[in-house]
PDB file of N, CA and C in Angstrom:
ATOM      1  N   MET A   1      -5.226  37.173 -43.363  1.00  0.00           N
ATOM      2  CA  MET A   1      -4.929  38.324 -42.629  1.00  0.00           C
ATOM      3  C   MET A   1      -5.840  38.122 -41.409  1.00  0.00           C
ATOM      4  N   ALA A   2      -5.640  38.262 -40.273  1.00  0.00           N
ATOM      5  CA  ALA A   2      -7.047  38.561 -39.172  1.00  0.00           C
ATOM      6  C   ALA A   2      -7.523  39.878 -39.065  1.00  0.00           C
ATOM      7  N   ALA A   3      -8.709  39.633 -38.772  1.00  0.00           N
ATOM      8  CA  ALA A   3      -9.496  40.704 -38.760  1.00  0.00           C
ATOM      9  C   ALA A   3      -9.516  41.612 -37.603  1.00  0.00           C
ATOM     10  N   HIS A   4      -9.436  42.895 -37.522  1.00  0.00           N
ATOM     11  CA  HIS A   4      -9.541  43.589 -35.996  1.00  0.00           C
ATOM     12  C   HIS A   4     -10.852  44.089 -36.174  1.00  0.00           C
ATOM     13  N   SER A   5     -10.969  44.641 -34.589  1.00  0.00           N
ATOM     14  CA  SER A   5     -12.269  45.046 -34.210  1.00  0.00           C
ATOM     15  C   SER A   5     -12.110  46.412 -34.349  1.00  0.00           C
ATOM     16  N   PRO A   6     -13.444  46.858 -34.877  1.00  0.00           N
ATOM     17  CA  PRO A   6     -12.944  47.895 -35.100  1.00  0.00           C
ATOM     18  C   PRO A   6     -13.122  48.856 -34.035  1.00  0.00           C
ATOM     19  N   PHE A   7     -13.480  48.502 -32.757  1.00  0.00           N
ATOM     20  CA  PHE A   7     -13.870  49.259 -31.690  1.00  0.00           C
ATOM     21  C   PHE A   7     -12.758  48.570 -30.784  1.00  0.00           C
ATOM     22  N   GLY A   8     -11.595  47.835 -31.113  1.00  0.00           N
ATOM     23  CA  GLY A   8      -9.910  48.000 -30.284  1.00  0.00           C
ATOM     24  C   GLY A   8     -10.391  47.693 -29.284  1.00  0.00           C
ATOM     25  N   ASP A   9      -9.192  47.264 -28.282  1.00  0.00           N
ATOM     26  CA  ASP A   9      -9.362  46.773 -27.159  1.00  0.00           C
ATOM     27  C   ASP A   9     -10.583  47.035 -25.886  1.00  0.00           C
ATOM     28  N   TRP A  10     -10.635  48.235 -25.935  1.00  0.00           N
ATOM     29  CA  TRP A  10     -11.923  48.900 -24.496  1.00  0.00           C
ATOM     30  C   TRP A  10     -12.867  48.061 -24.877  1.00  0.00           C
ATOM     31  N   THR A  11     -13.352  46.842 -25.637  1.00  0.00           N
ATOM     32  CA  THR A  11     -14.455  45.933 -25.318  1.00  0.00           C
ATOM     33  C   THR A  11     -13.772  44.668 -24.365  1.00  0.00           C
ATOM     34  N   ARG A  12     -12.950  44.440 -24.431  1.00  0.00           N
ATOM     35  CA  ARG A  12     -12.619  43.450 -23.435  1.00  0.00           C
ATOM     36  C   ARG A  12     -11.747  43.876 -22.426  1.00  0.00           C
ATOM     37  N   LYS A  13     -11.945  45.323 -22.102  1.00  0.00           N
ATOM     38  CA  LYS A  13     -11.425  45.521 -20.745  1.00  0.00           C
ATOM     39  C   LYS A  13     -12.522  45.365 -19.899  1.00  0.00           C
ATOM     40  N   PRO A  14     -13.604  45.717 -19.938  1.00  0.00           N
ATOM     41  CA  PRO A  14     -14.536  45.218 -18.645  1.00  0.00           C
ATOM     42  C   PRO A  14     -14.643  43.944 -18.559  1.00  0.00           C
ATOM     43  N   PHE A  15     -14.633  43.057 -19.235  1.00  0.00           N
ATOM     44  CA  PHE A  15     -14.564  41.688 -19.242  1.00  0.00           C
ATOM     45  C   PHE A  15     -13.224  40.687 -18.452  1.00  0.00           C
ATOM     46  N   ARG A  16     -12.102  41.454 -18.918  1.00  0.00           N
ATOM     47  CA  ARG A  16     -10.650  41.261 -18.328  1.00  0.00           C
ATOM     48  C   ARG A  16     -11.502  41.657 -16.539  1.00  0.00           C
ATOM     49  N   ASP A  17     -11.431  42.943 -16.264  1.00  0.00           N
ATOM     50  CA  ASP A  17     -11.499  43.359 -15.289  1.00  0.00           C
ATOM     51  C   ASP A  17     -12.470  42.672 -13.915  1.00  0.00           C
ATOM     52  N   TRP A  18     -13.527  42.086 -14.626  1.00  0.00           N
ATOM     53  CA  TRP A  18     -14.722  41.435 -14.099  1.00  0.00           C
ATOM     54  C   TRP A  18     -13.985  40.222 -13.810  1.00  0.00           C
ATOM     55  N   TYR A  19     -13.519  39.418 -14.559  1.00  0.00           N
ATOM     56  CA  TYR A  19     -12.781  37.966 -14.843  1.00  0.00           C
ATOM     57  C   TYR A  19     -11.878  38.114 -13.376  1.00  0.00           C
ATOM     58  N   GLU A  20     -10.620  39.404 -13.469  1.00  0.00           N
ATOM     59  CA  GLU A  20     -10.135  39.320 -12.162  1.00  0.00           C
ATOM     60  C   GLU A  20     -10.402  39.567 -10.808  1.00  0.00           C
ATOM     61  N   ALA A  21     -11.533  40.213 -11.231  1.00  0.00           N
ATOM     62  CA  ALA A  21     -12.378  40.547 -10.010  1.00  0.00           C
ATOM     63  C   ALA A  21     -12.754  39.140  -8.998  1.00  0.00           C
ATOM     64  N   MET A  22     -12.986  38.724  -9.784  1.00  0.00           N
ATOM     65  CA  MET A  22     -13.772  37.349  -9.625  1.00  0.00           C
ATOM     66  C   MET A  22     -13.096  36.204  -9.276  1.00  0.00           C
ATOM     67  N   GLU A  23     -11.646  36.113 -10.003  1.00  0.00           N
ATOM     68  CA  GLU A  23     -10.623  35.601  -9.663  1.00  0.00           C
ATOM     69  C   GLU A  23      -9.842  35.471  -8.646  1.00  0.00           C
ATOM     70  N   GLN A  24      -9.783  36.816  -7.779  1.00  0.00           N
ATOM     71  CA  GLN A  24      -9.346  37.531  -6.681  1.00  0.00           C
ATOM     72  C   GLN A  24     -10.328  37.294  -5.385  1.00  0.00           C
ATOM     73  N   GLN A  25     -11.885  37.090  -5.542  1.00  0.00           N
ATOM     74  CA  GLN A  25     -12.660  36.852  -4.575  1.00  0.00           C
ATOM     75  C   GLN A  25     -12.601  35.332  -4.316  1.00  0.00           C
ATOM     76  N   ALA A  26     -12.721  34.590  -5.510  1.00  0.00           N
ATOM     77  CA  ALA A  26     -12.427  33.117  -5.340  1.00  0.00           C
ATOM     78  C   ALA A  26     -10.872  32.906  -4.649  1.00  0.00           C
ATOM     79  N   ALA A  27      -9.952  33.349  -4.739  1.00  0.00           N
ATOM     80  CA  ALA A  27      -8.951  32.930  -4.131  1.00  0.00           C
ATOM     81  C   ALA A  27      -9.042  33.329  -2.332  1.00  0.00           C
ATOM     82  N   GLU A  28      -9.368  34.716  -2.202  1.00  0.00           N
ATOM     83  CA  GLU A  28      -9.825  34.960  -0.950  1.00  0.00           C
ATOM     84  C   GLU A  28     -10.582  33.821  -0.365  1.00  0.00           C
ATOM     85  N   ALA A  29     -11.821  33.262  -0.911  1.00  0.00           N
ATOM     86  CA  ALA A  29     -12.701  32.802  -0.188  1.00  0.00           C
ATOM     87  C   ALA A  29     -11.964  31.355  -0.073  1.00  0.00           C
ATOM     88  N   THR A  30     -11.270  30.694  -0.809  1.00  0.00           N
ATOM     89  CA  THR A  30     -10.369  29.621  -0.816  1.00  0.00           C
ATOM     90  C   THR A  30      -9.529  29.738   0.779  1.00  0.00           C
ATOM     91  N   GLU A  31      -9.081  30.778   0.742  1.00  0.00           N
ATOM     92  CA  GLU A  31      -7.711  30.819   1.898  1.00  0.00           C
ATOM     93  C   GLU A  31      -8.596  30.962   2.357  1.00  0.00           C
ATOM     94  N   GLN A  32      -9.306  31.471   2.862  1.00  0.00           N
ATOM     95  CA  GLN A  32     -10.547  31.344   4.244  1.00  0.00           C
ATOM     96  C   GLN A  32     -10.795  30.308   4.769  1.00  0.00           C
ATOM     97  N   LEU A  33     -11.310  29.510   3.700  1.00  0.00           N
ATOM     98  CA  LEU A  33     -11.769  28.103   4.058  1.00  0.00           C
ATOM     99  C   LEU A  33     -10.643  27.092   4.072  1.00  0.00           C
ATOM    100  N   VAL A  34      -9.272  27.160   3.816  1.00  0.00           N
ATOM    101  CA  VAL A  34      -8.678  26.488   4.154  1.00  0.00           C
ATOM    102  C   VAL A  34      -7.957  26.641   5.287  1.00  0.00           C
ATOM    103  N   SER A  35      -7.955  27.915   5.527  1.00  0.00           N
ATOM    104  CA  SER A  35      -7.301  28.295   7.025  1.00  0.00           C
ATOM    105  C   SER A  35      -8.107  27.905   7.949  1.00  0.00           C
ATOM    106  N   GLY A  36      -9.162  27.690   7.988  1.00  0.00           N
ATOM    107  CA  GLY A  36     -10.076  27.069   9.146  1.00  0.00           C
ATOM    108  C   GLY A  36      -9.949  25.722   9.710  1.00  0.00           C
ATOM    109  N   SER A  37     -10.080  25.374  11.146  1.00  0.00           N
ATOM    110  CA  SER A  37      -9.956  24.256  11.699  1.00  0.00           C
ATOM    111  C   SER A  37     -11.023  23.206  11.502  1.00  0.00           C
ATOM    112  N   ALA A  38     -11.911  24.060  10.339  1.00  0.00           N
ATOM    113  CA  ALA A  38     -13.216  23.028  10.225  1.00  0.00           C
ATOM    114  C   ALA A  38     -12.463  21.969   8.931  1.00  0.00           C
ATOM    115  N   PHE A  39     -11.630  22.824   8.224  1.00  0.00           N
ATOM    116  CA  PHE A  39     -11.567  22.287   6.781  1.00  0.00           C
ATOM    117  C   PHE A  39     -10.524  21.249   7.384  1.00  0.00           C
ATOM    118  N   ALA A  40      -9.489  21.368   8.311  1.00  0.00           N
ATOM    119  CA  ALA A  40      -8.421  20.133   8.653  1.00  0.00           C
ATOM    120  C   ALA A  40      -9.200  19.247   9.174  1.00  0.00           C
ATOM    121  N   GLU A  41     -10.454  19.266   9.813  1.00  0.00           N
ATOM    122  CA  GLU A  41     -11.331  18.161  10.709  1.00  0.00           C
ATOM    123  C   GLU A  41     -11.909  17.360   9.161  1.00  0.00           C
ATOM    124  N   LEU A  42     -11.956  18.420   8.524  1.00  0.00           N
ATOM    125  CA  LEU A  42     -12.673  17.448   7.208  1.00  0.00           C
ATOM    126  C   LEU A  42     -11.890  16.539   6.786  1.00  0.00           C
ATOM    127  N   LEU A  43     -10.716  17.485   6.244  1.00  0.00           N
ATOM    128  CA  LEU A  43      -9.875  16.625   5.401  1.00  0.00           C
ATOM    129  C   LEU A  43      -9.616  15.168   6.045  1.00  0.00           C
ATOM    130  N   GLY A  44      -9.136  15.269   7.675  1.00  0.00           N
ATOM    131  CA  GLY A  44      -8.838  14.033   8.506  1.00  0.00           C
ATOM    132  C   GLY A  44      -9.904  13.042   8.404  1.00  0.00           C
ATOM    133  N   LEU A  45     -11.465  13.586   8.546  1.00  0.00           N
ATOM    134  CA  LEU A  45     -12.134  12.810   8.887  1.00  0.00           C
ATOM    135  C   LEU A  45     -12.239  12.044   7.511  1.00  0.00           C
ATOM    136  N   THR A  46     -11.921  13.020   5.552  1.00  0.00           N
ATOM    137  CA  THR A  46     -12.289  11.907   4.772  1.00  0.00           C
ATOM    138  C   THR A  46     -10.951  11.043   4.406  1.00  0.00           C
ATOM    139  N   ALA A  47     -10.030  11.280   5.045  1.00  0.00           N
ATOM    140  CA  ALA A  47      -8.820  10.467   4.901  1.00  0.00           C
ATOM    141  C   ALA A  47      -9.489   9.237   5.642  1.00  0.00           C
ATOM    142  N   GLY A  48      -9.560   9.269   6.655  1.00  0.00           N
ATOM    143  CA  GLY A  48     -10.070   7.990   7.932  1.00  0.00           C
ATOM    144  C   GLY A  48     -11.513   7.148   6.942  1.00  0.00           C
ATOM    145  N   ASN A  49     -12.224   8.077   6.324  1.00  0.00           N
ATOM    146  CA  ASN A  49     -13.394   7.388   5.403  1.00  0.00           C
ATOM    147  C   ASN A  49     -12.735   6.320   4.357  1.00  0.00           C
ATOM    148  N   PHE A  50     -11.539   7.290   3.786  1.00  0.00           N
ATOM    149  CA  PHE A  50     -11.195   6.493   2.506  1.00  0.00           C
ATOM    150  C   PHE A  50     -10.082   5.182   3.091  1.00  0.00           C
ATOM    151  N   ALA A  51      -9.546   5.261   4.083  1.00  0.00           N
ATOM    152  CA  ALA A  51      -8.924   4.264   4.481  1.00  0.00           C
ATOM    153  C   ALA A  51      -9.737   2.980   4.856  1.00  0.00           C
ATOM    154  N   ALA A  52     -10.578   3.712   5.603  1.00  0.00           N
ATOM    155  CA  ALA A  52     -11.919   2.419   5.867  1.00  0.00           C
ATOM    156  C   ALA A  52     -12.174   2.114   4.521  1.00  0.00           C
ATOM    157  N   LEU A  53     -12.886   2.718   3.972  1.00  0.00           N
ATOM    158  CA  LEU A  53     -13.403   1.852   2.474  1.00  0.00           C
ATOM    159  C   LEU A  53     -12.162   1.219   1.885  1.00  0.00           C
ATOM    160  N   THR A  54     -10.947   1.494   1.901  1.00  0.00           N
ATOM    161  CA  THR A  54     -10.075   0.600   1.454  1.00  0.00           C
ATOM    162  C   THR A  54      -9.856  -0.937   2.046  1.00  0.00           C
ATOM    163  N   ARG A  55      -9.559  -0.704   3.220  1.00  0.00           N
ATOM    164  CA  ARG A  55      -9.838  -1.887   4.553  1.00  0.00           C
ATOM    165  C   ARG A  55     -11.298  -2.641   3.896  1.00  0.00           C
ATOM    166  N   ILE A  56     -12.331  -2.281   3.521  1.00  0.00           N
ATOM    167  CA  ILE A  56     -13.380  -2.904   3.438  1.00  0.00           C
ATOM    168  C   ILE A  56     -13.743  -3.721   2.475  1.00  0.00           C
ATOM    169  N   SER A  57     -13.114  -2.639   1.560  1.00  0.00           N
ATOM    170  CA  SER A  57     -13.154  -3.352   0.163  1.00  0.00           C
ATOM    171  C   SER A  57     -12.107  -4.762  -0.385  1.00  0.00           C
ATOM    172  N   GLY A  58     -10.576  -4.635   0.500  1.00  0.00           N
ATOM    173  CA  GLY A  58     -10.006  -5.715   0.647  1.00  0.00           C
ATOM    174  C   GLY A  58     -10.218  -6.806   1.214  1.00  0.00           C
ATOM    175  N   GLU A  59     -11.069  -6.716   2.323  1.00  0.00           N
ATOM    176  CA  GLU A  59     -11.811  -8.037   3.026  1.00  0.00           C
ATOM    177  C   GLU A  59     -12.890  -8.272   2.127  1.00  0.00           C
ATOM    178  N   THR A  60     -13.524  -7.350   1.545  1.00  0.00           N
ATOM    179  CA  THR A  60     -14.636  -8.074   0.565  1.00  0.00           C
ATOM    180  C   THR A  60     -14.017  -8.848  -0.420  1.00  0.00           C
ATOM    181  N   CYS A  61     -12.901  -8.411  -1.257  1.00  0.00           N
ATOM    182  CA  CYS A  61     -12.235  -9.377  -2.068  1.00  0.00           C
ATOM    183  C   CYS A  61     -11.891 -10.520  -1.778  1.00  0.00           C
ATOM    184  N   ASP A  62     -11.336 -10.565  -0.283  1.00  0.00           N
ATOM    185  CA  ASP A  62     -10.764 -11.800   0.377  1.00  0.00           C
ATOM    186  C   ASP A  62     -12.069 -12.781   0.860  1.00  0.00           C
ATOM    187  N   LEU A  63     -13.011 -11.866   1.016  1.00  0.00           N
ATOM    188  CA  LEU A  63     -13.906 -12.987   1.182  1.00  0.00           C
ATOM    189  C   LEU A  63     -14.541 -13.402   0.060  1.00  0.00           C
ATOM    190  N   MET A  64     -14.704 -12.895  -1.141  1.00  0.00           N
ATOM    191  CA  MET A  64     -15.189 -13.334  -2.550  1.00  0.00           C
ATOM    192  C   MET A  64     -14.330 -14.424  -2.848  1.00  0.00           C
ATOM    193  N   LEU A  65     -13.043 -14.357  -2.448  1.00  0.00           N
ATOM    194  CA  LEU A  65     -11.978 -15.236  -2.725  1.00  0.00           C
ATOM    195  C   LEU A  65     -12.222 -16.603  -2.198  1.00  0.00           C
ATOM    196  N   ARG A  66     -12.660 -16.456  -0.754  1.00  0.00           N
ATOM    197  CA  ARG A  66     -12.829 -17.615  -0.274  1.00  0.00           C
ATOM    198  C   ARG A  66     -13.893 -18.170  -0.415  1.00  0.00           C
ATOM    199  N   ASN A  67     -14.953 -17.892  -0.842  1.00  0.00           N
ATOM    200  CA  ASN A  67     -16.458 -17.941  -1.388  1.00  0.00           C
ATOM    201  C   ASN A  67     -15.866 -18.885  -2.470  1.00  0.00           C
ATOM    202  N   MET A  68     -15.184 -18.454  -3.549  1.00  0.00           N
ATOM    203  CA  MET A  68     -15.167 -19.271  -4.279  1.00  0.00           C
ATOM    204  C   MET A  68     -14.304 -20.457  -4.318  1.00  0.00           C
ATOM    205  N   ARG A  69     -13.888 -20.717  -3.167  1.00  0.00           N
ATOM    206  CA  ARG A  69     -12.447 -21.555  -2.677  1.00  0.00           C
ATOM    207  C   ARG A  69     -11.129 -21.297  -3.228  1.00  0.00           C
ATOM    208  N   LEU A  70     -10.951 -20.226  -3.394  1.00  0.00           N
ATOM    209  CA  LEU A  70      -9.792 -19.783  -4.065  1.00  0.00           C
ATOM    210  C   LEU A  70      -8.835 -19.026  -3.344  1.00  0.00           C
ATOM    211  N   ALA A  71      -7.541 -19.266  -3.056  1.00  0.00           N
ATOM    212  CA  ALA A  71      -6.461 -18.864  -1.925  1.00  0.00           C
ATOM    213  C   ALA A  71      -6.716 -17.281  -1.789  1.00  0.00           C
ATOM    214  N   GLY A  72      -6.974 -16.577  -1.018  1.00  0.00           N
ATOM    215  CA  GLY A  72      -6.869 -15.185  -0.920  1.00  0.00           C
ATOM    216  C   GLY A  72      -5.216 -14.636  -0.423  1.00  0.00           C
ATOM    217  N   ARG A  73      -4.930 -13.481   0.046  1.00  0.00           N
ATOM    218  CA  ARG A  73      -4.168 -12.716   0.493  1.00  0.00           C
ATOM    219  C   ARG A  73      -3.657 -13.741   1.742  1.00  0.00           C
ATOM    220  N   ALA A  74      -4.381 -13.407   2.500  1.00  0.00           N
ATOM    221  CA  ALA A  74      -4.393 -14.042   3.896  1.00  0.00           C
ATOM    222  C   ALA A  74      -3.833 -15.406   3.701  1.00  0.00           C
ATOM    223  N   ASP A  75      -4.576 -16.396   3.023  1.00  0.00           N
ATOM    224  CA  ASP A  75      -4.246 -17.507   3.124  1.00  0.00           C
ATOM    225  C   ASP A  75      -3.081 -17.648   2.484  1.00  0.00           C
ATOM    226  N   MET A  76      -2.491 -17.016   1.482  1.00  0.00           N
ATOM    227  CA  MET A  76      -0.804 -17.318   0.903  1.00  0.00           C
ATOM    228  C   MET A  76       0.039 -16.506   2.389  1.00  0.00           C
ATOM    229  N   THR A  77      -0.492 -15.564   3.104  1.00  0.00           N
ATOM    230  CA  THR A  77       0.812 -14.856   4.010  1.00  0.00           C
ATOM    231  C   THR A  77       0.761 -16.243   4.795  1.00  0.00           C
ATOM    232  N   ARG A  78      -0.433 -16.723   5.524  1.00  0.00           N
ATOM    233  CA  ARG A  78      -0.368 -18.070   6.277  1.00  0.00           C
ATOM    234  C   ARG A  78       0.318 -18.987   5.923  1.00  0.00           C
ATOM    235  N   LEU A  79       0.011 -19.382   4.598  1.00  0.00           N
ATOM    236  CA  LEU A  79       0.993 -20.461   3.838  1.00  0.00           C
ATOM    237  C   LEU A  79       2.494 -19.902   3.665  1.00  0.00           C
ATOM    238  N   GLY A  80       2.652 -18.896   3.914  1.00  0.00           N
ATOM    239  CA  GLY A  80       4.070 -18.814   3.873  1.00  0.00           C
ATOM    240  C   GLY A  80       4.909 -18.781   5.067  1.00  0.00           C
ATOM    241  N   HIS A  81       3.997 -18.417   6.195  1.00  0.00           N
ATOM    242  CA  HIS A  81       4.460 -18.686   7.565  1.00  0.00           C
ATOM    243  C   HIS A  81       5.037 -19.971   8.002  1.00  0.00           C
ATOM    244  N   GLN A  82       3.855 -20.697   7.476  1.00  0.00           N
ATOM    245  CA  GLN A  82       4.073 -22.317   7.442  1.00  0.00           C
ATOM    246  C   GLN A  82       5.362 -22.858   6.734  1.00  0.00           C
ATOM    247  N   LEU A  83       5.230 -22.571   5.520  1.00  0.00           N
ATOM    248  CA  LEU A  83       6.297 -22.724   4.589  1.00  0.00           C
ATOM    249  C   LEU A  83       7.829 -22.369   5.376  1.00  0.00           C
ATOM    250  N   ALA A  84       7.815 -21.541   6.015  1.00  0.00           N
ATOM    251  CA  ALA A  84       9.065 -20.786   6.861  1.00  0.00           C
ATOM    252  C   ALA A  84       9.510 -21.966   7.605  1.00  0.00           C
ATOM    253  N   ARG A  85       8.056 -22.036   8.467  1.00  0.00           N
ATOM    254  CA  ARG A  85       8.718 -22.824   9.484  1.00  0.00           C
ATOM    255  C   ARG A  85       8.894 -24.405   9.403  1.00  0.00           C
ATOM    256  N   THR A  86       8.419 -24.828   8.367  1.00  0.00           N
ATOM    257  CA  THR A  86       8.646 -26.044   8.229  1.00  0.00           C
ATOM    258  C   THR A  86      10.396 -25.862   7.379  1.00  0.00           C
ATOM    259  N   GLU A  87      10.468 -24.722   6.493  1.00  0.00           N
ATOM    260  CA  GLU A  87      12.095 -25.250   5.883  1.00  0.00           C
ATOM    261  C   GLU A  87      13.040 -24.946   7.430  1.00  0.00           C
ATOM    262  N   ASP A  88      12.882 -24.351   8.364  1.00  0.00           N
ATOM    263  CA  ASP A  88      13.661 -24.244   9.598  1.00  0.00           C
ATOM    264  C   ASP A  88      13.598 -25.208  10.001  1.00  0.00           C
ATOM    265  N   LYS A  89      12.386 -25.908  10.203  1.00  0.00           N
ATOM    266  CA  LYS A  89      12.497 -27.728  10.825  1.00  0.00           C
ATOM    267  C   LYS A  89      13.884 -28.399  10.128  1.00  0.00           C
ATOM    268  N   LEU A  90      13.610 -28.268   8.971  1.00  0.00           N
ATOM    269  CA  LEU A  90      14.092 -29.332   7.813  1.00  0.00           C
ATOM    270  C   LEU A  90      15.413 -29.052   8.071  1.00  0.00           C
ATOM    271  N   GLU A  91      15.798 -27.444   8.291  1.00  0.00           N
ATOM    272  CA  GLU A  91      17.549 -27.012   8.073  1.00  0.00           C
ATOM    273  C   GLU A  91      17.651 -27.905   9.733  1.00  0.00           C
ATOM    274  N   ARG A  92      16.942 -27.665  10.888  1.00  0.00           N
ATOM    275  CA  ARG A  92      17.842 -28.113  11.851  1.00  0.00           C
ATOM    276  C   ARG A  92      17.704 -29.966  11.868  1.00  0.00           C
ATOM    277  N   VAL A  93      16.562 -30.451  11.775  1.00  0.00           N
ATOM    278  CA  VAL A  93      17.174 -31.587  11.052  1.00  0.00           C
ATOM    279  C   VAL A  93      18.026 -32.204  10.051  1.00  0.00           C
ATOM    280  N   LEU A  94      18.343 -31.397   9.183  1.00  0.00           N
ATOM    281  CA  LEU A  94      19.656 -31.757   7.749  1.00  0.00           C
ATOM    282  C   LEU A  94      21.002 -31.690   9.120  1.00  0.00           C
ATOM    283  N   GLN A  95      20.846 -30.737   9.825  1.00  0.00           N
ATOM    284  CA  GLN A  95      22.075 -30.681  10.664  1.00  0.00           C
ATOM    285  C   GLN A  95      22.327 -31.591  11.849  1.00  0.00           C
ATOM    286  N   GLU A  96      21.285 -32.060  12.386  1.00  0.00           N
ATOM    287  CA  GLU A  96      21.307 -33.265  13.349  1.00  0.00           C
ATOM    288  C   GLU A  96      21.911 -34.590  12.536  1.00  0.00           C
ATOM    289  N   VAL A  97      21.305 -34.448  11.303  1.00  0.00           N
ATOM    290  CA  VAL A  97      21.837 -35.968  10.280  1.00  0.00           C
ATOM    291  C   VAL A  97      23.564 -35.922   9.964  1.00  0.00           C
ATOM    292  N   GLU A  98      23.785 -34.340   9.918  1.00  0.00           N
ATOM    293  CA  GLU A  98      25.186 -34.180   9.338  1.00  0.00           C
ATOM    294  C   GLU A  98      26.121 -34.444  10.956  1.00  0.00           C
ATOM    295  N   ASP A  99      25.301 -34.064  11.831  1.00  0.00           N
ATOM    296  CA  ASP A  99      26.251 -34.371  13.216  1.00  0.00           C
ATOM    297  C   ASP A  99      26.325 -35.478  13.482  1.00  0.00           C
ATOM    298  N   LEU A 100      25.520 -36.432  13.201  1.00  0.00           N
ATOM    299  CA  LEU A 100      25.367 -37.688  13.542  1.00  0.00           C
ATOM    300  C   LEU A 100      25.990 -38.524  12.033  1.00  0.00           C
ATOM    301  N   ARG A 101      26.307 -38.018  11.376  1.00  0.00           N
ATOM    302  CA  ARG A 101      27.248 -38.865  10.343  1.00  0.00           C
ATOM    303  C   ARG A 101      28.598 -38.506  10.644  1.00  0.00           C
ATOM    304  N   ASP A 102      28.833 -37.394  11.408  1.00  0.00           N
ATOM    305  CA  ASP A 102      30.290 -36.871  11.469  1.00  0.00           C
ATOM    306  C   ASP A 102      30.507 -38.132  12.904  1.00  0.00           C
ATOM    307  N   GLN A 103      29.627 -38.373  13.597  1.00  0.00           N
ATOM    308  CA  GLN A 103      29.975 -39.344  14.789  1.00  0.00           C
ATOM    309  C   GLN A 103      30.133 -40.873  14.174  1.00  0.00           C
ATOM    310  N   LEU A 104      29.299 -41.082  13.003  1.00  0.00           N
ATOM    311  CA  LEU A 104      29.550 -42.637  12.504  1.00  0.00           C
ATOM    312  C   LEU A 104      30.958 -43.007  12.478  1.00  0.00           C
ATOM    313  N   PRO A 105      31.786 -42.543  11.692  1.00  0.00           N
ATOM    314  CA  PRO A 105      32.899 -42.796  10.871  1.00  0.00           C
ATOM    315  C   PRO A 105      33.822 -43.177  12.769  1.00  0.00           C
ATOM    316  N   ASP A 106      33.562 -42.326  13.618  1.00  0.00           N
ATOM    317  CA  ASP A 106      34.549 -42.545  14.694  1.00  0.00           C
ATOM    318  C   ASP A 106      34.128 -44.010  15.595  1.00  0.00           C
ATOM    319  N   ARG A 107      32.773 -44.409  15.709  1.00  0.00           N
ATOM    320  CA  ARG A 107      32.130 -45.336  15.882  1.00  0.00           C
ATOM    321  C   ARG A 107      33.245 -46.369  15.341  1.00  0.00           C
ATOM    322  N   SER A 108      32.827 -46.435  13.685  1.00  0.00           N
ATOM    323  CA  SER A 108      33.174 -47.810  12.692  1.00  0.00           C
ATOM    324  C   SER A 108      34.799 -47.986  13.300  1.00  0.00           C
ATOM    325  N   ALA A 109      35.371 -46.518  13.637  1.00  0.00           N
ATOM    326  CA  ALA A 109      36.838 -47.097  13.582  1.00  0.00           C
ATOM    327  C   ALA A 109      37.492 -47.076  14.923  1.00  0.00           C
ATOM    328  N   ASP A 110      36.554 -47.135  16.110  1.00  0.00           N
ATOM    329  CA  ASP A 110      36.629 -47.979  16.974  1.00  0.00           C
ATOM    330  C   ASP A 110      36.276 -49.228  17.480  1.00  0.00           C
ATOM    331  N   GLU A 111      35.186 -49.686  16.475  1.00  0.00           N
ATOM    332  CA  GLU A 111      34.880 -51.143  16.342  1.00  0.00           C
ATOM    333  C   GLU A 111      35.878 -51.871  15.725  1.00  0.00           C
ATOM    334  N   GLU A 112      36.410 -51.370  14.783  1.00  0.00           N
ATOM    335  CA  GLU A 112      37.580 -51.955  13.934  1.00  0.00           C
ATOM    336  C   GLU A 112      38.971 -52.458  14.816  1.00  0.00           C
ATOM    337  N   ALA A 113      39.338 -51.593  15.982  1.00  0.00           N
ATOM    338  CA  ALA A 113      39.926 -51.285  16.723  1.00  0.00           C
ATOM    339  C   ALA A 113      40.050 -52.287  17.952  1.00  0.00           C
ATOM    340  N   GLY A 114      38.791 -53.060  17.982  1.00  0.00           N
ATOM    341  CA  GLY A 114      38.538 -53.561  19.256  1.00  0.00           C
ATOM    342  C   GLY A 114      38.907 -55.120  19.450  1.00  0.00           C
ATOM    343  N   PRO A 115      38.560 -55.917  20.453  1.00  0.00           N
ATOM    344  CA  PRO A 115      38.884 -57.309  20.246  1.00  0.00           C
ATOM    345  C   PRO A 115      39.336 -57.809  18.911  1.00  0.00           C
TER     346      PRO A 115
END
């Protein structure tokens, strides 16, 4: 069975009132802080700094990989572009070979019908 305070609820009411007043003041102060243009500027600067730090950390990781003689993201991207170009060139060569192969039977038929 739970023990009840002999004083009842009147001992908790001042604390509850104080807590609600402090919560209201904190809410008003936060609204004032967020509504100003300075907060927007601070938020913009923070986002810019975060983006710069992300870029710097990525470049640092790539530099560490390069110093260890391992392929980094930039190397893999460059290799992918070179591979795509090579595949395109190979496809063009294949098409030319097929065109020449198609022309070859025509020449052999002409030679057989010749003198």
